[in-house]
mmCIF file of all heavy atoms, coordinates in Angstrom:
data_MODEL
# 
_entry.id   MODEL 
# 
loop_
_atom_site.group_PDB 
_atom_site.id 
_atom_site.type_symbol 
_atom_site.label_atom_id 
_atom_site.label_alt_id 
_atom_site.label_comp_id 
_atom_site.label_asym_id 
_atom_site.label_entity_id 
_atom_site.label_seq_id 
_atom_site.pdbx_PDB_ins_code 
_atom_site.Cartn_x 
_atom_site.Cartn_y 
_atom_site.Cartn_z 
_atom_site.occupancy 
_atom_site.B_iso_or_equiv 
_atom_site.pdbx_formal_charge 
_atom_site.auth_seq_id 
_atom_site.auth_comp_id 
_atom_site.auth_asym_id 
_atom_site.auth_atom_id 
_atom_site.pdbx_PDB_model_num 
ATOM 1   N N   . ILE A 1 1  ? 13.863 -10.088 -13.262 1.00 0.00 ? 1  ILE A N   1 
ATOM 2   C CA  . ILE A 1 1  ? 15.179 -9.435  -12.920 1.00 0.00 ? 1  ILE A CA  1 
ATOM 3   C C   . ILE A 1 1  ? 15.094 -7.837  -13.090 1.00 0.00 ? 1  ILE A C   1 
ATOM 4   O O   . ILE A 1 1  ? 15.333 -7.103  -12.257 1.00 0.00 ? 1  ILE A O   1 
ATOM 5   C CB  . ILE A 1 1  ? 16.374 -9.929  -13.736 1.00 0.00 ? 1  ILE A CB  1 
ATOM 6   C CG1 . ILE A 1 1  ? 16.671 -11.461 -13.364 1.00 0.00 ? 1  ILE A CG1 1 
ATOM 7   C CG2 . ILE A 1 1  ? 17.688 -9.064  -13.354 1.00 0.00 ? 1  ILE A CG2 1 
ATOM 8   C CD1 . ILE A 1 1  ? 17.755 -12.046 -14.269 1.00 0.00 ? 1  ILE A CD1 1 
ATOM 9   N N   . LYS A 1 2  ? 14.594 -7.420  -14.173 1.00 0.00 ? 2  LYS A N   1 
ATOM 10  C CA  . LYS A 1 2  ? 14.467 -5.960  -14.479 1.00 0.00 ? 2  LYS A CA  1 
ATOM 11  C C   . LYS A 1 2  ? 13.598 -5.309  -13.468 1.00 0.00 ? 2  LYS A C   1 
ATOM 12  O O   . LYS A 1 2  ? 13.763 -4.162  -12.993 1.00 0.00 ? 2  LYS A O   1 
ATOM 13  C CB  . LYS A 1 2  ? 13.859 -5.755  -15.910 1.00 0.00 ? 2  LYS A CB  1 
ATOM 14  C CG  . LYS A 1 2  ? 14.760 -6.359  -17.099 1.00 0.00 ? 2  LYS A CG  1 
ATOM 15  C CD  . LYS A 1 2  ? 14.102 -5.981  -18.401 1.00 0.00 ? 2  LYS A CD  1 
ATOM 16  C CE  . LYS A 1 2  ? 15.011 -6.489  -19.502 1.00 0.00 ? 2  LYS A CE  1 
ATOM 17  N NZ  . LYS A 1 2  ? 16.211 -5.695  -19.662 1.00 0.00 ? 2  LYS A NZ  1 
ATOM 18  N N   . THR A 1 3  ? 12.514 -5.991  -13.079 1.00 0.00 ? 3  THR A N   1 
ATOM 19  C CA  . THR A 1 3  ? 11.545 -5.363  -12.052 1.00 0.00 ? 3  THR A CA  1 
ATOM 20  C C   . THR A 1 3  ? 12.212 -5.122  -10.737 1.00 0.00 ? 3  THR A C   1 
ATOM 21  O O   . THR A 1 3  ? 12.002 -4.148  -10.098 1.00 0.00 ? 3  THR A O   1 
ATOM 22  C CB  . THR A 1 3  ? 10.357 -6.238  -11.868 1.00 0.00 ? 3  THR A CB  1 
ATOM 23  O OG1 . THR A 1 3  ? 9.684  -6.437  -13.178 1.00 0.00 ? 3  THR A OG1 1 
ATOM 24  C CG2 . THR A 1 3  ? 9.345  -5.609  -11.030 1.00 0.00 ? 3  THR A CG2 1 
ATOM 25  N N   . GLU A 1 4  ? 13.125 -6.032  -10.431 1.00 0.00 ? 4  GLU A N   1 
ATOM 26  C CA  . GLU A 1 4  ? 13.809 -5.904  -9.106  1.00 0.00 ? 4  GLU A CA  1 
ATOM 27  C C   . GLU A 1 4  ? 14.660 -4.631  -9.229  1.00 0.00 ? 4  GLU A C   1 
ATOM 28  O O   . GLU A 1 4  ? 14.678 -3.761  -8.219  1.00 0.00 ? 4  GLU A O   1 
ATOM 29  C CB  . GLU A 1 4  ? 14.822 -7.027  -8.956  1.00 0.00 ? 4  GLU A CB  1 
ATOM 30  C CG  . GLU A 1 4  ? 15.527 -7.039  -7.581  1.00 0.00 ? 4  GLU A CG  1 
ATOM 31  C CD  . GLU A 1 4  ? 16.331 -8.332  -7.483  1.00 0.00 ? 4  GLU A CD  1 
ATOM 32  O OE1 . GLU A 1 4  ? 16.423 -8.995  -8.367  1.00 0.00 ? 4  GLU A OE1 1 
ATOM 33  O OE2 . GLU A 1 4  ? 16.992 -8.473  -6.311  1.00 0.00 ? 4  GLU A OE2 1 
ATOM 34  N N   . PHE A 1 5  ? 15.322 -4.256  -10.334 1.00 0.00 ? 5  PHE A N   1 
ATOM 35  C CA  . PHE A 1 5  ? 16.038 -2.942  -10.394 1.00 0.00 ? 5  PHE A CA  1 
ATOM 36  C C   . PHE A 1 5  ? 15.208 -1.818  -10.343 1.00 0.00 ? 5  PHE A C   1 
ATOM 37  O O   . PHE A 1 5  ? 15.475 -0.710  -9.761  1.00 0.00 ? 5  PHE A O   1 
ATOM 38  C CB  . PHE A 1 5  ? 16.981 -3.039  -11.547 1.00 0.00 ? 5  PHE A CB  1 
ATOM 39  C CG  . PHE A 1 5  ? 18.070 -4.067  -11.600 1.00 0.00 ? 5  PHE A CG  1 
ATOM 40  C CD1 . PHE A 1 5  ? 18.355 -4.792  -12.607 1.00 0.00 ? 5  PHE A CD1 1 
ATOM 41  C CD2 . PHE A 1 5  ? 18.817 -4.293  -10.460 1.00 0.00 ? 5  PHE A CD2 1 
ATOM 42  C CE1 . PHE A 1 5  ? 19.383 -5.878  -12.600 1.00 0.00 ? 5  PHE A CE1 1 
ATOM 43  C CE2 . PHE A 1 5  ? 19.799 -5.249  -10.328 1.00 0.00 ? 5  PHE A CE2 1 
ATOM 44  C CZ  . PHE A 1 5  ? 20.133 -6.014  -11.446 1.00 0.00 ? 5  PHE A CZ  1 
ATOM 45  N N   . LEU A 1 6  ? 14.025 -1.938  -11.111 1.00 0.00 ? 6  LEU A N   1 
ATOM 46  C CA  . LEU A 1 6  ? 13.068 -0.787  -11.160 1.00 0.00 ? 6  LEU A CA  1 
ATOM 47  C C   . LEU A 1 6  ? 12.527 -0.573  -9.760  1.00 0.00 ? 6  LEU A C   1 
ATOM 48  O O   . LEU A 1 6  ? 12.348 0.652   -9.393  1.00 0.00 ? 6  LEU A O   1 
ATOM 49  C CB  . LEU A 1 6  ? 11.901 -1.117  -12.115 1.00 0.00 ? 6  LEU A CB  1 
ATOM 50  C CG  . LEU A 1 6  ? 12.301 -1.205  -13.614 1.00 0.00 ? 6  LEU A CG  1 
ATOM 51  C CD1 . LEU A 1 6  ? 11.052 -1.705  -14.413 1.00 0.00 ? 6  LEU A CD1 1 
ATOM 52  C CD2 . LEU A 1 6  ? 12.759 0.138   -14.081 1.00 0.00 ? 6  LEU A CD2 1 
ATOM 53  N N   . ILE A 1 7  ? 12.353 -1.581  -8.967  1.00 0.00 ? 7  ILE A N   1 
ATOM 54  C CA  . ILE A 1 7  ? 11.905 -1.311  -7.471  1.00 0.00 ? 7  ILE A CA  1 
ATOM 55  C C   . ILE A 1 7  ? 12.904 -0.504  -6.693  1.00 0.00 ? 7  ILE A C   1 
ATOM 56  O O   . ILE A 1 7  ? 12.472 0.370   -6.070  1.00 0.00 ? 7  ILE A O   1 
ATOM 57  C CB  . ILE A 1 7  ? 11.760 -2.734  -6.900  1.00 0.00 ? 7  ILE A CB  1 
ATOM 58  C CG1 . ILE A 1 7  ? 10.420 -3.466  -7.397  1.00 0.00 ? 7  ILE A CG1 1 
ATOM 59  C CG2 . ILE A 1 7  ? 11.611 -2.667  -5.352  1.00 0.00 ? 7  ILE A CG2 1 
ATOM 60  C CD1 . ILE A 1 7  ? 10.265 -4.896  -6.917  1.00 0.00 ? 7  ILE A CD1 1 
ATOM 61  N N   . VAL A 1 8  ? 14.126 -0.833  -6.946  1.00 0.00 ? 8  VAL A N   1 
ATOM 62  C CA  . VAL A 1 8  ? 15.106 -0.049  -6.158  1.00 0.00 ? 8  VAL A CA  1 
ATOM 63  C C   . VAL A 1 8  ? 15.121 1.448   -6.550  1.00 0.00 ? 8  VAL A C   1 
ATOM 64  O O   . VAL A 1 8  ? 15.147 2.289   -5.657  1.00 0.00 ? 8  VAL A O   1 
ATOM 65  C CB  . VAL A 1 8  ? 16.604 -0.600  -6.504  1.00 0.00 ? 8  VAL A CB  1 
ATOM 66  C CG1 . VAL A 1 8  ? 17.636 0.373   -5.886  1.00 0.00 ? 8  VAL A CG1 1 
ATOM 67  C CG2 . VAL A 1 8  ? 16.680 -2.055  -6.015  1.00 0.00 ? 8  VAL A CG2 1 
ATOM 68  N N   . LEU A 1 9  ? 14.975 1.688   -7.824  1.00 0.00 ? 9  LEU A N   1 
ATOM 69  C CA  . LEU A 1 9  ? 14.843 3.116   -8.331  1.00 0.00 ? 9  LEU A CA  1 
ATOM 70  C C   . LEU A 1 9  ? 13.589 3.807   -7.700  1.00 0.00 ? 9  LEU A C   1 
ATOM 71  O O   . LEU A 1 9  ? 13.629 4.944   -7.313  1.00 0.00 ? 9  LEU A O   1 
ATOM 72  C CB  . LEU A 1 9  ? 14.836 3.160   -9.802  1.00 0.00 ? 9  LEU A CB  1 
ATOM 73  C CG  . LEU A 1 9  ? 16.084 2.573   -10.503 1.00 0.00 ? 9  LEU A CG  1 
ATOM 74  C CD1 . LEU A 1 9  ? 15.996 2.666   -11.988 1.00 0.00 ? 9  LEU A CD1 1 
ATOM 75  C CD2 . LEU A 1 9  ? 17.429 3.208   -10.018 1.00 0.00 ? 9  LEU A CD2 1 
ATOM 76  N N   . LEU A 1 10 ? 12.481 3.152   -7.797  1.00 0.00 ? 10 LEU A N   1 
ATOM 77  C CA  . LEU A 1 10 ? 11.228 3.683   -7.247  1.00 0.00 ? 10 LEU A CA  1 
ATOM 78  C C   . LEU A 1 10 ? 11.327 3.947   -5.783  1.00 0.00 ? 10 LEU A C   1 
ATOM 79  O O   . LEU A 1 10 ? 10.925 5.026   -5.341  1.00 0.00 ? 10 LEU A O   1 
ATOM 80  C CB  . LEU A 1 10 ? 10.166 2.722   -7.611  1.00 0.00 ? 10 LEU A CB  1 
ATOM 81  C CG  . LEU A 1 10 ? 8.698  3.267   -7.117  1.00 0.00 ? 10 LEU A CG  1 
ATOM 82  C CD1 . LEU A 1 10 ? 8.278  4.545   -7.813  1.00 0.00 ? 10 LEU A CD1 1 
ATOM 83  C CD2 . LEU A 1 10 ? 7.620  2.246   -7.387  1.00 0.00 ? 10 LEU A CD2 1 
ATOM 84  N N   . ARG A 1 11 ? 11.835 2.962   -5.058  1.00 0.00 ? 11 ARG A N   1 
ATOM 85  C CA  . ARG A 1 11 ? 11.988 3.124   -3.595  1.00 0.00 ? 11 ARG A CA  1 
ATOM 86  C C   . ARG A 1 11 ? 12.942 4.413   -3.209  1.00 0.00 ? 11 ARG A C   1 
ATOM 87  O O   . ARG A 1 11 ? 12.545 5.158   -2.349  1.00 0.00 ? 11 ARG A O   1 
ATOM 88  C CB  . ARG A 1 11 ? 12.667 1.807   -2.959  1.00 0.00 ? 11 ARG A CB  1 
ATOM 89  C CG  . ARG A 1 11 ? 11.798 0.598   -2.882  1.00 0.00 ? 11 ARG A CG  1 
ATOM 90  C CD  . ARG A 1 11 ? 12.580 -0.657  -2.465  1.00 0.00 ? 11 ARG A CD  1 
ATOM 91  N NE  . ARG A 1 11 ? 12.978 -0.405  -1.019  1.00 0.00 ? 11 ARG A NE  1 
ATOM 92  C CZ  . ARG A 1 11 ? 12.282 -0.872  -0.086  1.00 0.00 ? 11 ARG A CZ  1 
ATOM 93  N NH1 . ARG A 1 11 ? 11.119 -1.544  -0.250  1.00 0.00 ? 11 ARG A NH1 1 
ATOM 94  N NH2 . ARG A 1 11 ? 12.697 -0.769  1.229   1.00 0.00 ? 11 ARG A NH2 1 
ATOM 95  N N   . LEU A 1 12 ? 13.908 4.583   -4.013  1.00 0.00 ? 12 LEU A N   1 
ATOM 96  C CA  . LEU A 1 12 ? 14.838 5.584   -3.675  1.00 0.00 ? 12 LEU A CA  1 
ATOM 97  C C   . LEU A 1 12 ? 14.169 6.947   -4.040  1.00 0.00 ? 12 LEU A C   1 
ATOM 98  O O   . LEU A 1 12 ? 14.258 7.933   -3.258  1.00 0.00 ? 12 LEU A O   1 
ATOM 99  C CB  . LEU A 1 12 ? 16.103 5.493   -4.548  1.00 0.00 ? 12 LEU A CB  1 
ATOM 100 C CG  . LEU A 1 12 ? 17.264 6.514   -4.117  1.00 0.00 ? 12 LEU A CG  1 
ATOM 101 C CD1 . LEU A 1 12 ? 17.656 6.363   -2.719  1.00 0.00 ? 12 LEU A CD1 1 
ATOM 102 C CD2 . LEU A 1 12 ? 18.409 6.308   -5.066  1.00 0.00 ? 12 LEU A CD2 1 
ATOM 103 N N   . ALA A 1 13 ? 13.383 7.053   -5.157  1.00 0.00 ? 13 ALA A N   1 
ATOM 104 C CA  . ALA A 1 13 ? 12.620 8.244   -5.559  1.00 0.00 ? 13 ALA A CA  1 
ATOM 105 C C   . ALA A 1 13 ? 11.665 8.541   -4.445  1.00 0.00 ? 13 ALA A C   1 
ATOM 106 O O   . ALA A 1 13 ? 11.415 9.788   -4.124  1.00 0.00 ? 13 ALA A O   1 
ATOM 107 C CB  . ALA A 1 13 ? 12.010 8.088   -6.919  1.00 0.00 ? 13 ALA A CB  1 
ATOM 108 N N   . VAL A 1 14 ? 10.841 7.654   -4.000  1.00 0.00 ? 14 VAL A N   1 
ATOM 109 C CA  . VAL A 1 14 ? 9.780  7.829   -2.963  1.00 0.00 ? 14 VAL A CA  1 
ATOM 110 C C   . VAL A 1 14 ? 10.496 8.350   -1.703  1.00 0.00 ? 14 VAL A C   1 
ATOM 111 O O   . VAL A 1 14 ? 9.939  9.142   -1.112  1.00 0.00 ? 14 VAL A O   1 
ATOM 112 C CB  . VAL A 1 14 ? 9.007  6.552   -2.823  1.00 0.00 ? 14 VAL A CB  1 
ATOM 113 C CG1 . VAL A 1 14 ? 8.117  6.735   -1.554  1.00 0.00 ? 14 VAL A CG1 1 
ATOM 114 C CG2 . VAL A 1 14 ? 8.198  6.203   -3.949  1.00 0.00 ? 14 VAL A CG2 1 
ATOM 115 N N   . LEU A 1 15 ? 11.537 7.694   -1.304  1.00 0.00 ? 15 LEU A N   1 
ATOM 116 C CA  . LEU A 1 15 ? 12.188 8.056   -0.089  1.00 0.00 ? 15 LEU A CA  1 
ATOM 117 C C   . LEU A 1 15 ? 12.729 9.605   -0.155  1.00 0.00 ? 15 LEU A C   1 
ATOM 118 O O   . LEU A 1 15 ? 12.439 10.324  0.869   1.00 0.00 ? 15 LEU A O   1 
ATOM 119 C CB  . LEU A 1 15 ? 13.378 7.123   0.087   1.00 0.00 ? 15 LEU A CB  1 
ATOM 120 C CG  . LEU A 1 15 ? 14.302 7.314   1.387   1.00 0.00 ? 15 LEU A CG  1 
ATOM 121 C CD1 . LEU A 1 15 ? 14.955 5.880   1.649   1.00 0.00 ? 15 LEU A CD1 1 
ATOM 122 C CD2 . LEU A 1 15 ? 15.417 8.400   1.244   1.00 0.00 ? 15 LEU A CD2 1 
ATOM 123 N N   . LEU A 1 16 ? 13.171 9.955   -1.296  1.00 0.00 ? 16 LEU A N   1 
ATOM 124 C CA  . LEU A 1 16 ? 13.739 11.371  -1.342  1.00 0.00 ? 16 LEU A CA  1 
ATOM 125 C C   . LEU A 1 16 ? 12.488 12.335  -1.383  1.00 0.00 ? 16 LEU A C   1 
ATOM 126 O O   . LEU A 1 16 ? 12.761 13.566  -1.098  1.00 0.00 ? 16 LEU A O   1 
ATOM 127 C CB  . LEU A 1 16 ? 14.524 11.522  -2.629  1.00 0.00 ? 16 LEU A CB  1 
ATOM 128 C CG  . LEU A 1 16 ? 15.879 10.740  -2.587  1.00 0.00 ? 16 LEU A CG  1 
ATOM 129 C CD1 . LEU A 1 16 ? 16.678 10.942  -3.844  1.00 0.00 ? 16 LEU A CD1 1 
ATOM 130 C CD2 . LEU A 1 16 ? 16.697 11.209  -1.365  1.00 0.00 ? 16 LEU A CD2 1 
ATOM 131 N N   . HIS A 1 17 ? 11.325 11.901  -1.645  1.00 0.00 ? 17 HIS A N   1 
ATOM 132 C CA  . HIS A 1 17 ? 10.231 12.884  -1.600  1.00 0.00 ? 17 HIS A CA  1 
ATOM 133 C C   . HIS A 1 17 ? 9.251  12.576  -0.563  1.00 0.00 ? 17 HIS A C   1 
ATOM 134 O O   . HIS A 1 17 ? 8.080  12.982  -0.622  1.00 0.00 ? 17 HIS A O   1 
ATOM 135 C CB  . HIS A 1 17 ? 9.478  12.742  -3.065  1.00 0.00 ? 17 HIS A CB  1 
ATOM 136 C CG  . HIS A 1 17 ? 10.221 13.352  -4.216  1.00 0.00 ? 17 HIS A CG  1 
ATOM 137 N ND1 . HIS A 1 17 ? 10.340 14.731  -4.426  1.00 0.00 ? 17 HIS A ND1 1 
ATOM 138 C CD2 . HIS A 1 17 ? 11.008 12.744  -5.085  1.00 0.00 ? 17 HIS A CD2 1 
ATOM 139 C CE1 . HIS A 1 17 ? 11.135 14.938  -5.492  1.00 0.00 ? 17 HIS A CE1 1 
ATOM 140 N NE2 . HIS A 1 17 ? 11.470 13.705  -5.945  1.00 0.00 ? 17 HIS A NE2 1 
ATOM 141 N N   . ARG A 1 18 ? 9.711  12.031  0.550   1.00 0.00 ? 18 ARG A N   1 
ATOM 142 C CA  . ARG A 1 18 ? 8.929  11.746  1.730   1.00 0.00 ? 18 ARG A CA  1 
ATOM 143 C C   . ARG A 1 18 ? 8.250  13.044  2.275   1.00 0.00 ? 18 ARG A C   1 
ATOM 144 O O   . ARG A 1 18 ? 7.099  12.955  2.806   1.00 0.00 ? 18 ARG A O   1 
ATOM 145 C CB  . ARG A 1 18 ? 9.633  10.982  2.714   1.00 0.00 ? 18 ARG A CB  1 
ATOM 146 C CG  . ARG A 1 18 ? 8.838  10.637  3.991   1.00 0.00 ? 18 ARG A CG  1 
ATOM 147 C CD  . ARG A 1 18 ? 9.779  9.905   4.992   1.00 0.00 ? 18 ARG A CD  1 
ATOM 148 N NE  . ARG A 1 18 ? 8.990  9.666   6.191   1.00 0.00 ? 18 ARG A NE  1 
ATOM 149 C CZ  . ARG A 1 18 ? 9.455  9.039   7.324   1.00 0.00 ? 18 ARG A CZ  1 
ATOM 150 N NH1 . ARG A 1 18 ? 10.689 8.529   7.279   1.00 0.00 ? 18 ARG A NH1 1 
ATOM 151 N NH2 . ARG A 1 18 ? 8.728  8.761   8.359   1.00 0.00 ? 18 ARG A NH2 1 
ATOM 152 N N   . GLY A 1 19 ? 8.954  14.047  2.298   1.00 0.00 ? 19 GLY A N   1 
ATOM 153 C CA  . GLY A 1 19 ? 8.561  15.369  2.851   1.00 0.00 ? 19 GLY A CA  1 
ATOM 154 C C   . GLY A 1 19 ? 7.424  16.014  1.905   1.00 0.00 ? 19 GLY A C   1 
ATOM 155 O O   . GLY A 1 19 ? 6.803  17.117  2.450   1.00 0.00 ? 19 GLY A O   1 
ATOM 156 N N   . ARG A 1 20 ? 7.302  15.621  0.829   1.00 0.00 ? 20 ARG A N   1 
ATOM 157 C CA  . ARG A 1 20 ? 6.149  16.135  -0.160  1.00 0.00 ? 20 ARG A CA  1 
ATOM 158 C C   . ARG A 1 20 ? 6.472  17.568  -0.301  1.00 0.00 ? 20 ARG A C   1 
ATOM 159 O O   . ARG A 1 20 ? 5.519  18.310  -0.618  1.00 0.00 ? 20 ARG A O   1 
ATOM 160 C CB  . ARG A 1 20 ? 4.767  15.900  0.447   1.00 0.00 ? 20 ARG A CB  1 
ATOM 161 C CG  . ARG A 1 20 ? 4.665  14.438  0.929   1.00 0.00 ? 20 ARG A CG  1 
ATOM 162 C CD  . ARG A 1 20 ? 3.173  14.245  1.302   1.00 0.00 ? 20 ARG A CD  1 
ATOM 163 N NE  . ARG A 1 20 ? 2.234  14.003  0.298   1.00 0.00 ? 20 ARG A NE  1 
ATOM 164 C CZ  . ARG A 1 20 ? 2.058  12.853  -0.205  1.00 0.00 ? 20 ARG A CZ  1 
ATOM 165 N NH1 . ARG A 1 20 ? 2.658  11.830  0.201   1.00 0.00 ? 20 ARG A NH1 1 
ATOM 166 N NH2 . ARG A 1 20 ? 1.186  12.765  -1.277  1.00 0.00 ? 20 ARG A NH2 1 
ATOM 167 N N   . SER A 1 21 ? 7.580  18.029  -0.371  1.00 0.00 ? 21 SER A N   1 
ATOM 168 C CA  . SER A 1 21 ? 7.932  19.420  -0.552  1.00 0.00 ? 21 SER A CA  1 
ATOM 169 C C   . SER A 1 21 ? 7.980  19.801  -1.930  1.00 0.00 ? 21 SER A C   1 
ATOM 170 O O   . SER A 1 21 ? 8.468  19.060  -2.795  1.00 0.00 ? 21 SER A O   1 
ATOM 171 C CB  . SER A 1 21 ? 9.280  19.746  0.151   1.00 0.00 ? 21 SER A CB  1 
ATOM 172 O OG  . SER A 1 21 ? 9.731  21.129  -0.199  1.00 0.00 ? 21 SER A OG  1 
ATOM 173 N N   . ALA A 1 22 ? 7.483  21.036  -2.293  1.00 0.00 ? 22 ALA A N   1 
ATOM 174 C CA  . ALA A 1 22 ? 7.648  21.537  -3.559  1.00 0.00 ? 22 ALA A CA  1 
ATOM 175 C C   . ALA A 1 22 ? 8.966  22.217  -3.902  1.00 0.00 ? 22 ALA A C   1 
ATOM 176 O O   . ALA A 1 22 ? 9.305  22.387  -5.105  1.00 0.00 ? 22 ALA A O   1 
ATOM 177 C CB  . ALA A 1 22 ? 6.623  22.737  -3.824  1.00 0.00 ? 22 ALA A CB  1 
ATOM 178 N N   . ALA A 1 23 ? 9.815  22.223  -2.949  1.00 0.00 ? 23 ALA A N   1 
ATOM 179 C CA  . ALA A 1 23 ? 11.192 22.842  -3.133  1.00 0.00 ? 23 ALA A CA  1 
ATOM 180 C C   . ALA A 1 23 ? 12.035 21.825  -3.993  1.00 0.00 ? 23 ALA A C   1 
ATOM 181 O O   . ALA A 1 23 ? 11.810 20.672  -3.929  1.00 0.00 ? 23 ALA A O   1 
ATOM 182 C CB  . ALA A 1 23 ? 11.817 22.952  -1.823  1.00 0.00 ? 23 ALA A CB  1 
ATOM 183 N N   . ALA A 1 24 ? 12.882 22.366  -4.785  1.00 0.00 ? 24 ALA A N   1 
ATOM 184 C CA  . ALA A 1 24 ? 13.685 21.649  -5.768  1.00 0.00 ? 24 ALA A CA  1 
ATOM 185 C C   . ALA A 1 24 ? 14.545 20.744  -5.048  1.00 0.00 ? 24 ALA A C   1 
ATOM 186 O O   . ALA A 1 24 ? 15.100 21.150  -3.860  1.00 0.00 ? 24 ALA A O   1 
ATOM 187 C CB  . ALA A 1 24 ? 14.516 22.569  -6.623  1.00 0.00 ? 24 ALA A CB  1 
ATOM 188 N N   . GLN A 1 25 ? 14.720 19.460  -5.386  1.00 0.00 ? 25 GLN A N   1 
ATOM 189 C CA  . GLN A 1 25 ? 15.627 18.456  -4.860  1.00 0.00 ? 25 GLN A CA  1 
ATOM 190 C C   . GLN A 1 25 ? 17.034 18.710  -5.343  1.00 0.00 ? 25 GLN A C   1 
ATOM 191 O O   . GLN A 1 25 ? 17.201 19.231  -6.452  1.00 0.00 ? 25 GLN A O   1 
ATOM 192 C CB  . GLN A 1 25 ? 15.133 17.076  -5.219  1.00 0.00 ? 25 GLN A CB  1 
ATOM 193 C CG  . GLN A 1 25 ? 13.784 16.727  -4.507  1.00 0.00 ? 25 GLN A CG  1 
ATOM 194 C CD  . GLN A 1 25 ? 13.978 16.488  -2.994  1.00 0.00 ? 25 GLN A CD  1 
ATOM 195 O OE1 . GLN A 1 25 ? 14.867 15.982  -2.584  1.00 0.00 ? 25 GLN A OE1 1 
ATOM 196 N NE2 . GLN A 1 25 ? 13.056 17.039  -2.405  1.00 0.00 ? 25 GLN A NE2 1 
ATOM 197 N N   . PRO A 1 26 ? 17.991 18.378  -4.589  1.00 0.00 ? 26 PRO A N   1 
ATOM 198 C CA  . PRO A 1 26 ? 19.272 18.429  -4.967  1.00 0.00 ? 26 PRO A CA  1 
ATOM 199 C C   . PRO A 1 26 ? 19.655 17.444  -6.093  1.00 0.00 ? 26 PRO A C   1 
ATOM 200 O O   . PRO A 1 26 ? 19.045 16.375  -6.319  1.00 0.00 ? 26 PRO A O   1 
ATOM 201 C CB  . PRO A 1 26 ? 20.209 18.139  -3.718  1.00 0.00 ? 26 PRO A CB  1 
ATOM 202 C CG  . PRO A 1 26 ? 19.332 17.182  -3.031  1.00 0.00 ? 26 PRO A CG  1 
ATOM 203 C CD  . PRO A 1 26 ? 17.912 17.727  -3.193  1.00 0.00 ? 26 PRO A CD  1 
ATOM 204 N N   . ARG A 1 27 ? 20.641 17.721  -6.910  1.00 0.00 ? 27 ARG A N   1 
ATOM 205 C CA  . ARG A 1 27 ? 21.104 16.808  -7.987  1.00 0.00 ? 27 ARG A CA  1 
ATOM 206 C C   . ARG A 1 27 ? 21.657 15.557  -7.296  1.00 0.00 ? 27 ARG A C   1 
ATOM 207 O O   . ARG A 1 27 ? 22.634 15.570  -6.420  1.00 0.00 ? 27 ARG A O   1 
ATOM 208 C CB  . ARG A 1 27 ? 22.087 17.407  -8.884  1.00 0.00 ? 27 ARG A CB  1 
ATOM 209 C CG  . ARG A 1 27 ? 22.869 16.512  -9.807  1.00 0.00 ? 27 ARG A CG  1 
ATOM 210 C CD  . ARG A 1 27 ? 21.844 15.885  -10.837 1.00 0.00 ? 27 ARG A CD  1 
ATOM 211 N NE  . ARG A 1 27 ? 22.498 15.121  -11.801 1.00 0.00 ? 27 ARG A NE  1 
ATOM 212 C CZ  . ARG A 1 27 ? 21.829 14.345  -12.724 1.00 0.00 ? 27 ARG A CZ  1 
ATOM 213 N NH1 . ARG A 1 27 ? 20.454 14.373  -12.717 1.00 0.00 ? 27 ARG A NH1 1 
ATOM 214 N NH2 . ARG A 1 27 ? 22.473 13.575  -13.540 1.00 0.00 ? 27 ARG A NH2 1 
# 
């Protein structure tokens, strides 16, 4: 169960950094 939730967090983090930009991300 815990790994399922960790997957969601990792997916979202990867998605937000898809552009591989060094610019700061919004909060």
